[in-house]
Amino acid sequence: MKKFKIGDRVITTKDFDKETPAGLKGTVIGFENTQYGDITVKFDEKLQNGHSCFLKCKSGYGRWGHSDGLEFLQKCTQKIVIT
């Protein structure tokens, strides 16, 4: 079972990925199983090496990373329907 759900608010720790510093806040927008990590996050601020994560968010704000490098800020309590 996944620790995070889409819509959860998170903050990065030192282990999210090689280029994203600790302390950045964002929202979980997806789950991937790639060489870059297992989770997709849209950050609140534009990142120097950010991208759109295959058009899941605005260009420059997204990153794939490892869920072990995230901590909860707030769990999503709303039901999210993806169509």
PDB file of N, CA and C in Angstrom:
ATOM      1  N   MET A   1       0.837  -1.184   0.000  1.00  0.00           N
ATOM      2  CA  MET A   1       0.000   0.000   0.000  1.00  0.00           C
ATOM      3  C   MET A   1       0.880   1.245   0.000  1.00  0.00           C
ATOM      4  N   LYS A   2       0.488   2.252  -0.771  1.00  0.00           N
ATOM      5  CA  LYS A   2       1.251   3.478  -0.886  1.00  0.00           C
ATOM      6  C   LYS A   2       1.077   4.330   0.356  1.00  0.00           C
ATOM      7  N   LYS A   3       2.157   4.983   0.736  1.00  0.00           N
ATOM      8  CA  LYS A   3       2.143   5.859   1.896  1.00  0.00           C
ATOM      9  C   LYS A   3       1.378   7.151   1.595  1.00  0.00           C
ATOM     10  N   PHE A   4       1.540   7.658   0.368  1.00  0.00           N
ATOM     11  CA  PHE A   4       0.918   8.920  -0.026  1.00  0.00           C
ATOM     12  C   PHE A   4      -0.230   8.674  -0.991  1.00  0.00           C
ATOM     13  N   LYS A   5      -1.100   9.676  -1.097  1.00  0.00           N
ATOM     14  CA  LYS A   5      -2.203   9.653  -2.061  1.00  0.00           C
ATOM     15  C   LYS A   5      -2.133  10.926  -2.893  1.00  0.00           C
ATOM     16  N   ILE A   6      -2.727  10.885  -4.080  1.00  0.00           N
ATOM     17  CA  ILE A   6      -2.807  12.087  -4.900  1.00  0.00           C
ATOM     18  C   ILE A   6      -3.547  13.171  -4.113  1.00  0.00           C
ATOM     19  N   GLY A   7      -2.981  14.366  -4.130  1.00  0.00           N
ATOM     20  CA  GLY A   7      -3.564  15.494  -3.405  1.00  0.00           C
ATOM     21  C   GLY A   7      -2.911  15.771  -2.069  1.00  0.00           C
ATOM     22  N   ASP A   8      -2.122  14.834  -1.551  1.00  0.00           N
ATOM     23  CA  ASP A   8      -1.433  15.066  -0.280  1.00  0.00           C
ATOM     24  C   ASP A   8      -0.420  16.197  -0.434  1.00  0.00           C
ATOM     25  N   ARG A   9      -0.332  17.038   0.578  1.00  0.00           N
ATOM     26  CA  ARG A   9       0.690  18.084   0.622  1.00  0.00           C
ATOM     27  C   ARG A   9       1.921  17.515   1.301  1.00  0.00           C
ATOM     28  N   VAL A  10       3.091  17.759   0.694  1.00  0.00           N
ATOM     29  CA  VAL A  10       4.333  17.163   1.171  1.00  0.00           C
ATOM     30  C   VAL A  10       5.456  18.198   1.215  1.00  0.00           C
ATOM     31  N   ILE A  11       6.531  17.829   1.899  1.00  0.00           N
ATOM     32  CA  ILE A  11       7.756  18.632   1.930  1.00  0.00           C
ATOM     33  C   ILE A  11       8.927  17.693   1.679  1.00  0.00           C
ATOM     34  N   THR A  12       9.904  18.168   0.906  1.00  0.00           N
ATOM     35  CA  THR A  12      11.050  17.315   0.568  1.00  0.00           C
ATOM     36  C   THR A  12      12.027  17.226   1.738  1.00  0.00           C
ATOM     37  N   THR A  13      12.695  16.071   1.783  1.00  0.00           N
ATOM     38  CA  THR A  13      13.827  15.895   2.682  1.00  0.00           C
ATOM     39  C   THR A  13      15.051  15.717   1.801  1.00  0.00           C
ATOM     40  N   LYS A  14      16.187  15.487   2.364  1.00  0.00           N
ATOM     41  CA  LYS A  14      17.435  15.443   1.582  1.00  0.00           C
ATOM     42  C   LYS A  14      17.476  14.325   0.547  1.00  0.00           C
ATOM     43  N   ASP A  15      16.610  13.331   0.638  1.00  0.00           N
ATOM     44  CA  ASP A  15      16.701  12.178  -0.238  1.00  0.00           C
ATOM     45  C   ASP A  15      15.676  12.138  -1.375  1.00  0.00           C
ATOM     46  N   PHE A  16      14.974  13.221  -1.678  1.00  0.00           N
ATOM     47  CA  PHE A  16      13.935  13.178  -2.714  1.00  0.00           C
ATOM     48  C   PHE A  16      14.531  12.849  -4.081  1.00  0.00           C
ATOM     49  N   ASP A  17      15.498  13.601  -4.522  1.00  0.00           N
ATOM     50  CA  ASP A  17      16.271  13.290  -5.721  1.00  0.00           C
ATOM     51  C   ASP A  17      17.580  14.065  -5.656  1.00  0.00           C
ATOM     52  N   LYS A  18      18.408  13.939  -6.669  1.00  0.00           N
ATOM     53  CA  LYS A  18      19.744  14.546  -6.634  1.00  0.00           C
ATOM     54  C   LYS A  18      19.722  16.063  -6.791  1.00  0.00           C
ATOM     55  N   GLU A  19      18.659  16.619  -7.366  1.00  0.00           N
ATOM     56  CA  GLU A  19      18.659  18.034  -7.718  1.00  0.00           C
ATOM     57  C   GLU A  19      17.643  18.892  -6.974  1.00  0.00           C
ATOM     58  N   THR A  20      16.746  18.295  -6.224  1.00  0.00           N
ATOM     59  CA  THR A  20      15.711  19.054  -5.531  1.00  0.00           C
ATOM     60  C   THR A  20      16.106  19.221  -4.071  1.00  0.00           C
ATOM     61  N   PRO A  21      16.312  20.464  -3.613  1.00  0.00           N
ATOM     62  CA  PRO A  21      16.758  20.669  -2.241  1.00  0.00           C
ATOM     63  C   PRO A  21      15.692  20.322  -1.204  1.00  0.00           C
ATOM     64  N   ALA A  22      16.130  20.064  -0.001  1.00  0.00           N
ATOM     65  CA  ALA A  22      15.220  19.791   1.112  1.00  0.00           C
ATOM     66  C   ALA A  22      14.447  21.057   1.461  1.00  0.00           C
ATOM     67  N   GLY A  23      13.229  20.871   1.938  1.00  0.00           N
ATOM     68  CA  GLY A  23      12.429  21.982   2.420  1.00  0.00           C
ATOM     69  C   GLY A  23      11.447  22.560   1.424  1.00  0.00           C
ATOM     70  N   LEU A  24      11.361  21.989   0.225  1.00  0.00           N
ATOM     71  CA  LEU A  24      10.404  22.486  -0.759  1.00  0.00           C
ATOM     72  C   LEU A  24       9.037  21.839  -0.553  1.00  0.00           C
ATOM     73  N   LYS A  25       7.997  22.641  -0.670  1.00  0.00           N
ATOM     74  CA  LYS A  25       6.629  22.155  -0.477  1.00  0.00           C
ATOM     75  C   LYS A  25       5.958  21.925  -1.827  1.00  0.00           C
ATOM     76  N   GLY A  26       5.096  20.902  -1.863  1.00  0.00           N
ATOM     77  CA  GLY A  26       4.380  20.603  -3.088  1.00  0.00           C
ATOM     78  C   GLY A  26       3.206  19.682  -2.842  1.00  0.00           C
ATOM     79  N   THR A  27       2.595  19.230  -3.937  1.00  0.00           N
ATOM     80  CA  THR A  27       1.423  18.369  -3.900  1.00  0.00           C
ATOM     81  C   THR A  27       1.681  17.126  -4.731  1.00  0.00           C
ATOM     82  N   VAL A  28       1.335  15.961  -4.194  1.00  0.00           N
ATOM     83  CA  VAL A  28       1.479  14.710  -4.931  1.00  0.00           C
ATOM     84  C   VAL A  28       0.475  14.712  -6.087  1.00  0.00           C
ATOM     85  N   ILE A  29       0.977  14.474  -7.322  1.00  0.00           N
ATOM     86  CA  ILE A  29       0.095  14.469  -8.490  1.00  0.00           C
ATOM     87  C   ILE A  29       0.127  13.152  -9.252  1.00  0.00           C
ATOM     88  N   GLY A  30       0.916  12.205  -8.808  1.00  0.00           N
ATOM     89  CA  GLY A  30       0.947  10.922  -9.508  1.00  0.00           C
ATOM     90  C   GLY A  30       1.972   9.973  -8.938  1.00  0.00           C
ATOM     91  N   PHE A  31       1.946   8.768  -9.484  1.00  0.00           N
ATOM     92  CA  PHE A  31       2.870   7.714  -9.078  1.00  0.00           C
ATOM     93  C   PHE A  31       3.467   7.100 -10.326  1.00  0.00           C
ATOM     94  N   GLU A  32       4.762   6.932 -10.335  1.00  0.00           N
ATOM     95  CA  GLU A  32       5.486   6.372 -11.471  1.00  0.00           C
ATOM     96  C   GLU A  32       6.397   5.269 -10.946  1.00  0.00           C
ATOM     97  N   ASN A  33       6.835   4.441 -11.825  1.00  0.00           N
ATOM     98  CA  ASN A  33       7.848   3.444 -11.481  1.00  0.00           C
ATOM     99  C   ASN A  33       8.953   3.586 -12.511  1.00  0.00           C
ATOM    100  N   THR A  34       9.772   4.631 -12.340  1.00  0.00           N
ATOM    101  CA  THR A  34      10.818   4.941 -13.299  1.00  0.00           C
ATOM    102  C   THR A  34      12.169   4.951 -12.613  1.00  0.00           C
ATOM    103  N   GLN A  35      13.194   5.128 -13.416  1.00  0.00           N
ATOM    104  CA  GLN A  35      14.542   5.240 -12.863  1.00  0.00           C
ATOM    105  C   GLN A  35      14.701   6.506 -12.025  1.00  0.00           C
ATOM    106  N   TYR A  36      13.780   7.459 -12.192  1.00  0.00           N
ATOM    107  CA  TYR A  36      13.859   8.725 -11.473  1.00  0.00           C
ATOM    108  C   TYR A  36      13.132   8.703 -10.135  1.00  0.00           C
ATOM    109  N   GLY A  37      12.320   7.699  -9.906  1.00  0.00           N
ATOM    110  CA  GLY A  37      11.611   7.617  -8.643  1.00  0.00           C
ATOM    111  C   GLY A  37      10.253   6.969  -8.777  1.00  0.00           C
ATOM    112  N   ASP A  38       9.507   7.010  -7.696  1.00  0.00           N
ATOM    113  CA  ASP A  38       8.208   6.334  -7.640  1.00  0.00           C
ATOM    114  C   ASP A  38       7.037   7.275  -7.414  1.00  0.00           C
ATOM    115  N   ILE A  39       7.293   8.580  -7.375  1.00  0.00           N
ATOM    116  CA  ILE A  39       6.227   9.529  -7.077  1.00  0.00           C
ATOM    117  C   ILE A  39       6.440  10.819  -7.873  1.00  0.00           C
ATOM    118  N   THR A  40       5.341  11.489  -8.215  1.00  0.00           N
ATOM    119  CA  THR A  40       5.398  12.742  -8.963  1.00  0.00           C
ATOM    120  C   THR A  40       4.838  13.854  -8.092  1.00  0.00           C
ATOM    121  N   VAL A  41       5.589  14.951  -7.986  1.00  0.00           N
ATOM    122  CA  VAL A  41       5.190  16.075  -7.137  1.00  0.00           C
ATOM    123  C   VAL A  41       5.195  17.358  -7.957  1.00  0.00           C
ATOM    124  N   LYS A  42       4.135  18.159  -7.798  1.00  0.00           N
ATOM    125  CA  LYS A  42       4.078  19.516  -8.355  1.00  0.00           C
ATOM    126  C   LYS A  42       4.437  20.460  -7.215  1.00  0.00           C
ATOM    127  N   PHE A  43       5.540  21.180  -7.376  1.00  0.00           N
ATOM    128  CA  PHE A  43       6.014  22.057  -6.319  1.00  0.00           C
ATOM    129  C   PHE A  43       5.350  23.435  -6.399  1.00  0.00           C
ATOM    130  N   ASP A  44       5.324  24.112  -5.265  1.00  0.00           N
ATOM    131  CA  ASP A  44       4.690  25.421  -5.168  1.00  0.00           C
ATOM    132  C   ASP A  44       5.472  26.491  -5.926  1.00  0.00           C
ATOM    133  N   GLU A  45       6.774  26.305  -6.037  1.00  0.00           N
ATOM    134  CA  GLU A  45       7.598  27.273  -6.740  1.00  0.00           C
ATOM    135  C   GLU A  45       8.308  26.615  -7.914  1.00  0.00           C
ATOM    136  N   LYS A  46       8.607  27.405  -8.921  1.00  0.00           N
ATOM    137  CA  LYS A  46       9.266  26.893 -10.120  1.00  0.00           C
ATOM    138  C   LYS A  46      10.685  26.446  -9.777  1.00  0.00           C
ATOM    139  N   LEU A  47      11.079  25.300 -10.318  1.00  0.00           N
ATOM    140  CA  LEU A  47      12.396  24.732 -10.064  1.00  0.00           C
ATOM    141  C   LEU A  47      13.305  24.951 -11.264  1.00  0.00           C
ATOM    142  N   GLN A  48      14.584  25.129 -11.017  1.00  0.00           N
ATOM    143  CA  GLN A  48      15.544  25.323 -12.101  1.00  0.00           C
ATOM    144  C   GLN A  48      15.540  24.130 -13.057  1.00  0.00           C
ATOM    145  N   ASN A  49      15.455  22.926 -12.534  1.00  0.00           N
ATOM    146  CA  ASN A  49      15.447  21.717 -13.354  1.00  0.00           C
ATOM    147  C   ASN A  49      14.083  21.032 -13.345  1.00  0.00           C
ATOM    148  N   GLY A  50      13.044  21.793 -13.115  1.00  0.00           N
ATOM    149  CA  GLY A  50      11.699  21.231 -13.100  1.00  0.00           C
ATOM    150  C   GLY A  50      11.186  21.000 -14.511  1.00  0.00           C
ATOM    151  N   HIS A  51      10.123  20.237 -14.619  1.00  0.00           N
ATOM    152  CA  HIS A  51       9.491  19.951 -15.905  1.00  0.00           C
ATOM    153  C   HIS A  51       8.001  19.738 -15.683  1.00  0.00           C
ATOM    154  N   SER A  52       7.288  19.260 -16.691  1.00  0.00           N
ATOM    155  CA  SER A  52       5.837  19.105 -16.575  1.00  0.00           C
ATOM    156  C   SER A  52       5.407  17.692 -16.198  1.00  0.00           C
ATOM    157  N   CYS A  53       6.356  16.765 -16.046  1.00  0.00           N
ATOM    158  CA  CYS A  53       6.038  15.368 -15.717  1.00  0.00           C
ATOM    159  C   CYS A  53       4.991  14.822 -16.696  1.00  0.00           C
ATOM    160  N   PHE A  54       5.332  14.872 -17.980  1.00  0.00           N
ATOM    161  CA  PHE A  54       4.430  14.422 -19.051  1.00  0.00           C
ATOM    162  C   PHE A  54       3.097  15.165 -19.006  1.00  0.00           C
ATOM    163  N   LEU A  55       3.179  16.487 -18.880  1.00  0.00           N
ATOM    164  CA  LEU A  55       2.029  17.401 -18.907  1.00  0.00           C
ATOM    165  C   LEU A  55       1.061  17.220 -17.737  1.00  0.00           C
ATOM    166  N   LYS A  56       1.552  16.690 -16.622  1.00  0.00           N
ATOM    167  CA  LYS A  56       0.705  16.564 -15.428  1.00  0.00           C
ATOM    168  C   LYS A  56       0.631  17.869 -14.643  1.00  0.00           C
ATOM    169  N   CYS A  57       1.560  18.803 -14.937  1.00  0.00           N
ATOM    170  CA  CYS A  57       1.538  20.096 -14.257  1.00  0.00           C
ATOM    171  C   CYS A  57       2.194  21.138 -15.161  1.00  0.00           C
ATOM    172  N   LYS A  58       2.194  22.370 -14.717  1.00  0.00           N
ATOM    173  CA  LYS A  58       2.800  23.457 -15.469  1.00  0.00           C
ATOM    174  C   LYS A  58       4.309  23.233 -15.579  1.00  0.00           C
ATOM    175  N   SER A  59       4.851  23.501 -16.765  1.00  0.00           N
ATOM    176  CA  SER A  59       6.273  23.280 -17.019  1.00  0.00           C
ATOM    177  C   SER A  59       7.146  24.024 -16.005  1.00  0.00           C
ATOM    178  N   GLY A  60       8.118  23.307 -15.464  1.00  0.00           N
ATOM    179  CA  GLY A  60       9.045  23.890 -14.499  1.00  0.00           C
ATOM    180  C   GLY A  60       8.705  23.618 -13.047  1.00  0.00           C
ATOM    181  N   TYR A  61       7.517  23.094 -12.784  1.00  0.00           N
ATOM    182  CA  TYR A  61       7.071  22.895 -11.404  1.00  0.00           C
ATOM    183  C   TYR A  61       7.086  21.435 -10.952  1.00  0.00           C
ATOM    184  N   GLY A  62       7.244  20.510 -11.865  1.00  0.00           N
ATOM    185  CA  GLY A  62       7.152  19.096 -11.513  1.00  0.00           C
ATOM    186  C   GLY A  62       8.492  18.402 -11.415  1.00  0.00           C
ATOM    187  N   ARG A  63       8.544  17.363 -10.593  1.00  0.00           N
ATOM    188  CA  ARG A  63       9.726  16.499 -10.474  1.00  0.00           C
ATOM    189  C   ARG A  63       9.254  15.100 -10.085  1.00  0.00           C
ATOM    190  N   TRP A  64       9.970  14.102 -10.599  1.00  0.00           N
ATOM    191  CA  TRP A  64       9.817  12.739 -10.105  1.00  0.00           C
ATOM    192  C   TRP A  64      10.854  12.545  -9.025  1.00  0.00           C
ATOM    193  N   GLY A  65      10.537  11.741  -8.046  1.00  0.00           N
ATOM    194  CA  GLY A  65      11.490  11.481  -6.979  1.00  0.00           C
ATOM    195  C   GLY A  65      11.088  10.250  -6.198  1.00  0.00           C
ATOM    196  N   HIS A  66      11.735  10.091  -5.066  1.00  0.00           N
ATOM    197  CA  HIS A  66      11.520   8.921  -4.219  1.00  0.00           C
ATOM    198  C   HIS A  66      10.649   9.297  -3.029  1.00  0.00           C
ATOM    199  N   SER A  67       9.602   8.516  -2.829  1.00  0.00           N
ATOM    200  CA  SER A  67       8.664   8.821  -1.745  1.00  0.00           C
ATOM    201  C   SER A  67       9.330   8.787  -0.375  1.00  0.00           C
ATOM    202  N   ASP A  68      10.436   8.064  -0.256  1.00  0.00           N
ATOM    203  CA  ASP A  68      11.165   8.056   1.018  1.00  0.00           C
ATOM    204  C   ASP A  68      11.754   9.429   1.336  1.00  0.00           C
ATOM    205  N   GLY A  69      11.843  10.285   0.327  1.00  0.00           N
ATOM    206  CA  GLY A  69      12.383  11.624   0.509  1.00  0.00           C
ATOM    207  C   GLY A  69      11.330  12.680   0.750  1.00  0.00           C
ATOM    208  N   LEU A  70      10.139  12.251   1.153  1.00  0.00           N
ATOM    209  CA  LEU A  70       9.047  13.186   1.426  1.00  0.00           C
ATOM    210  C   LEU A  70       8.466  12.960   2.813  1.00  0.00           C
ATOM    211  N   GLU A  71       7.939  14.024   3.376  1.00  0.00           N
ATOM    212  CA  GLU A  71       7.182  13.940   4.621  1.00  0.00           C
ATOM    213  C   GLU A  71       5.847  14.632   4.410  1.00  0.00           C
ATOM    214  N   PHE A  72       4.847  14.200   5.148  1.00  0.00           N
ATOM    215  CA  PHE A  72       3.516  14.805   5.066  1.00  0.00           C
ATOM    216  C   PHE A  72       3.516  16.216   5.640  1.00  0.00           C
ATOM    217  N   LEU A  73       2.820  17.111   4.960  1.00  0.00           N
ATOM    218  CA  LEU A  73       2.426  18.388   5.542  1.00  0.00           C
ATOM    219  C   LEU A  73       0.952  18.309   5.913  1.00  0.00           C
ATOM    220  N   GLN A  74       0.167  17.757   4.960  1.00  0.00           N
ATOM    221  CA  GLN A  74      -1.274  17.608   5.177  1.00  0.00           C
ATOM    222  C   GLN A  74      -1.809  16.522   4.262  1.00  0.00           C
ATOM    223  N   LYS A  75      -2.568  15.598   4.841  1.00  0.00           N
ATOM    224  CA  LYS A  75      -3.202  14.559   4.033  1.00  0.00           C
ATOM    225  C   LYS A  75      -4.400  15.129   3.311  1.00  0.00           C
ATOM    226  N   CYS A  76      -4.602  14.671   2.092  1.00  0.00           N
ATOM    227  CA  CYS A  76      -5.775  15.085   1.316  1.00  0.00           C
ATOM    228  C   CYS A  76      -6.998  14.372   1.873  1.00  0.00           C
ATOM    229  N   THR A  77      -8.010  15.140   2.210  1.00  0.00           N
ATOM    230  CA  THR A  77      -9.237  14.551   2.764  1.00  0.00           C
ATOM    231  C   THR A  77     -10.388  14.591   1.769  1.00  0.00           C
ATOM    232  N   GLN A  78     -10.154  15.211   0.615  1.00  0.00           N
ATOM    233  CA  GLN A  78     -11.195  15.294  -0.411  1.00  0.00           C
ATOM    234  C   GLN A  78     -11.106  14.082  -1.330  1.00  0.00           C
ATOM    235  N   LYS A  79     -12.244  13.714  -1.874  1.00  0.00           N
ATOM    236  CA  LYS A  79     -12.277  12.656  -2.880  1.00  0.00           C
ATOM    237  C   LYS A  79     -11.918  13.301  -4.213  1.00  0.00           C
ATOM    238  N   ILE A  80     -10.888  12.757  -4.879  1.00  0.00           N
ATOM    239  CA  ILE A  80     -10.445  13.291  -6.167  1.00  0.00           C
ATOM    240  C   ILE A  80     -10.851  12.305  -7.245  1.00  0.00           C
ATOM    241  N   VAL A  81     -11.571  12.792  -8.248  1.00  0.00           N
ATOM    242  CA  VAL A  81     -12.018  11.966  -9.360  1.00  0.00           C
ATOM    243  C   VAL A  81     -11.227  12.378 -10.598  1.00  0.00           C
ATOM    244  N   ILE A  82     -10.527  11.437 -11.208  1.00  0.00           N
ATOM    245  CA  ILE A  82      -9.758  11.693 -12.415  1.00  0.00           C
ATOM    246  C   ILE A  82     -10.517  11.115 -13.581  1.00  0.00           C
ATOM    247  N   THR A  83     -10.839  11.964 -14.544  1.00  0.00           N
ATOM    248  CA  THR A  83     -11.603  11.490 -15.706  1.00  0.00           C
ATOM    249  C   THR A  83     -10.783  11.561 -16.966  1.00  0.00           C
TER     250      THR A  83
END
